[in-house]
Protein backbone atom coordinates (compact mmCIF):
# COMPACT_ATOMS: atom_id res chain seq x y z
CA MET A 1 -3.65 56.61 65.26
CA ASN A 2 -6.48 54.53 64.13
CA PHE A 3 -9.74 56.46 64.27
CA GLN A 4 -11.79 53.74 62.61
CA ARG A 5 -11.60 51.28 65.41
CA GLY A 6 -14.83 49.40 64.96
CA ARG A 7 -14.62 49.14 61.21
CA TYR A 8 -12.17 46.85 59.58
CA ARG A 9 -11.49 46.44 55.92
CA GLU A 10 -12.41 43.24 54.17
CA GLU A 11 -9.78 41.88 51.85
CA PRO A 12 -11.05 41.53 48.28
CA GLU A 13 -11.14 37.90 47.12
CA ILE A 14 -11.83 36.14 43.88
CA ASN A 15 -14.62 33.59 43.88
CA LEU A 16 -12.77 30.52 42.60
CA ILE A 17 -15.76 28.17 42.61
CA ALA A 18 -17.54 30.08 39.84
CA MET A 19 -14.34 30.23 37.79
CA ILE A 20 -13.79 26.46 38.15
CA ASP A 21 -17.38 25.80 37.06
CA VAL A 22 -16.93 27.89 33.93
CA LEU A 23 -13.64 26.17 33.08
CA LEU A 24 -15.21 22.72 33.49
CA VAL A 25 -18.07 23.66 31.16
CA ILE A 26 -15.56 24.89 28.56
CA LEU A 27 -13.53 21.69 28.93
CA ILE A 28 -16.61 19.49 28.50
CA PHE A 29 -17.67 21.52 25.46
CA LEU A 30 -14.25 21.06 23.84
CA MET A 31 -14.21 17.34 24.56
CA VAL A 32 -17.65 16.82 23.02
CA THR A 33 -17.07 18.89 19.90
CA THR A 34 -13.58 17.65 19.08
CA THR A 35 -13.42 14.92 16.47
CA TYR A 36 -10.90 12.21 16.99
CA SER A 37 -9.71 10.55 13.82
CA LYS A 38 -8.07 7.19 13.79
CA PHE A 39 -6.21 6.51 10.61
CA SER A 40 -5.63 2.85 10.06
CA GLY A 41 -3.16 1.78 7.48
CA ILE A 42 0.27 0.46 6.86
CA GLU A 43 3.07 2.68 5.73
CA ILE A 44 5.34 0.84 3.35
CA ASN A 45 8.68 1.99 2.04
CA LEU A 46 9.47 -0.15 -0.96
CA PRO A 47 13.10 -1.14 -1.43
CA THR A 48 15.15 -0.09 -4.40
CA ALA A 49 17.88 -2.12 -5.99
CA ASP A 50 21.00 -0.98 -7.77
CA ALA A 51 22.24 -4.45 -8.71
CA GLN A 52 23.09 -5.27 -12.29
CA GLN A 53 20.87 -7.83 -13.99
CA PRO A 54 22.51 -10.92 -15.45
CA GLN A 55 22.81 -10.85 -19.21
CA ASP A 56 22.01 -14.48 -20.10
CA LYS A 57 18.37 -15.48 -19.71
CA PRO A 58 18.13 -19.11 -20.81
CA ASN A 59 15.31 -20.21 -18.52
CA GLU A 60 13.07 -17.15 -18.55
CA ILE A 61 9.58 -16.81 -19.93
CA ASP A 62 8.50 -13.21 -20.42
CA VAL A 63 4.82 -12.52 -19.80
CA VAL A 64 3.52 -9.03 -20.56
CA VAL A 65 0.21 -7.74 -19.21
CA THR A 66 -0.84 -4.52 -20.91
CA ALA A 67 -3.06 -1.78 -19.53
CA THR A 68 -5.94 -3.01 -21.70
CA GLY A 69 -5.71 -6.49 -20.21
CA SER A 70 -4.14 -8.37 -23.12
CA VAL A 71 -1.47 -10.96 -22.30
CA LEU A 72 1.65 -11.74 -24.34
CA VAL A 73 3.81 -14.80 -23.63
CA ASN A 74 7.31 -14.40 -25.14
CA LYS A 75 5.93 -11.60 -27.38
CA THR A 76 3.12 -13.85 -28.66
CA PRO A 77 -0.42 -12.63 -27.96
CA VAL A 78 -2.60 -15.03 -26.00
CA ALA A 79 -6.36 -14.71 -26.31
CA GLY A 80 -8.64 -16.18 -23.73
CA ALA A 81 -8.76 -16.82 -20.05
CA VAL A 82 -6.54 -18.64 -17.57
CA GLU A 83 -6.63 -21.93 -19.49
CA ALA A 84 -5.26 -20.37 -22.69
CA ILE A 85 -2.47 -18.63 -20.77
CA SER A 86 -1.65 -21.90 -19.02
CA VAL A 87 -1.35 -23.73 -22.35
CA ALA A 88 0.90 -20.98 -23.75
CA LEU A 89 3.12 -21.15 -20.66
CA ARG A 90 3.46 -24.94 -20.95
CA GLN A 91 4.47 -24.60 -24.60
CA ALA A 92 7.02 -21.90 -23.77
CA ALA A 93 8.45 -24.02 -20.92
CA GLN A 94 9.05 -27.14 -23.04
CA GLY A 95 12.68 -28.10 -23.16
CA THR A 96 13.77 -25.86 -20.30
CA ASN A 97 14.69 -26.90 -16.80
CA GLU A 98 12.78 -25.00 -14.09
CA PRO A 99 11.95 -21.84 -16.06
CA VAL A 100 11.37 -18.53 -14.32
CA ILE A 101 8.30 -16.56 -15.34
CA ILE A 102 8.96 -12.82 -15.48
CA ILE A 103 5.71 -10.84 -15.30
CA ASN A 104 5.93 -7.38 -16.88
CA ALA A 105 2.67 -5.73 -15.86
CA ASP A 106 1.69 -2.23 -16.85
CA ALA A 107 1.11 0.10 -13.91
CA LYS A 108 -2.47 0.64 -15.06
CA ALA A 109 -3.19 -3.05 -15.67
CA ALA A 110 -6.02 -4.56 -13.66
CA HIS A 111 -4.90 -6.53 -10.65
CA GLN A 112 -7.12 -9.42 -11.73
CA ASN A 113 -5.16 -9.84 -14.98
CA VAL A 114 -1.90 -10.31 -13.07
CA ILE A 115 -3.59 -12.80 -10.72
CA ASP A 116 -4.88 -14.70 -13.77
CA VAL A 117 -1.30 -15.02 -15.07
CA MET A 118 -0.14 -16.30 -11.68
CA GLN A 119 -3.02 -18.81 -11.60
CA ALA A 120 -2.15 -19.98 -15.10
CA ALA A 121 1.48 -20.48 -14.07
CA ARG A 122 0.38 -22.58 -11.11
CA ASN A 123 -1.92 -24.63 -13.35
CA ALA A 124 1.00 -25.19 -15.75
CA GLY A 125 3.17 -26.44 -12.87
CA LEU A 126 5.54 -23.48 -12.96
CA SER A 127 6.32 -22.19 -9.50
CA HIS A 128 9.15 -19.71 -10.09
CA ILE A 129 7.56 -16.32 -10.68
CA SER A 130 9.21 -12.92 -10.64
CA PHE A 131 7.99 -9.40 -11.33
CA ALA A 132 9.88 -6.92 -13.48
CA THR A 133 10.45 -3.43 -12.12
CA GLN A 134 12.12 -0.28 -13.32
CA GLN A 135 15.42 0.83 -11.92
CA LYS A 136 15.45 3.97 -9.84
CA SER A 137 16.24 7.01 -11.97
CA GLN A 138 19.15 9.09 -10.79
């Protein structure tokens, strides 16, 4: 028996429009306040070598660049700029056939000093250049 004939019950409902508006405002707020960082760079994994070095070095010219910027060609100090290094390299290369220049640069040496040695080698007409590295410790 239904004594409340003229009255019917309304079903409770959630107002979704207001909830969507609030969520959109929160989403816009997060998008505006978030910082997007773009890191540009190149990741490099340097190779390591386990090969044995040859023992005879007949055509090698050792050039050492120290952390203070001084240059030694075959353990002889060279004072001056690119021209002096070039003259010392020519003298060290006399009598050898296609010598290889081995550059031993200190890790804290200025990059410009190594470039100066490479420029001096090019001015001396020596095109075979190599860099000395340390072997990987085990």
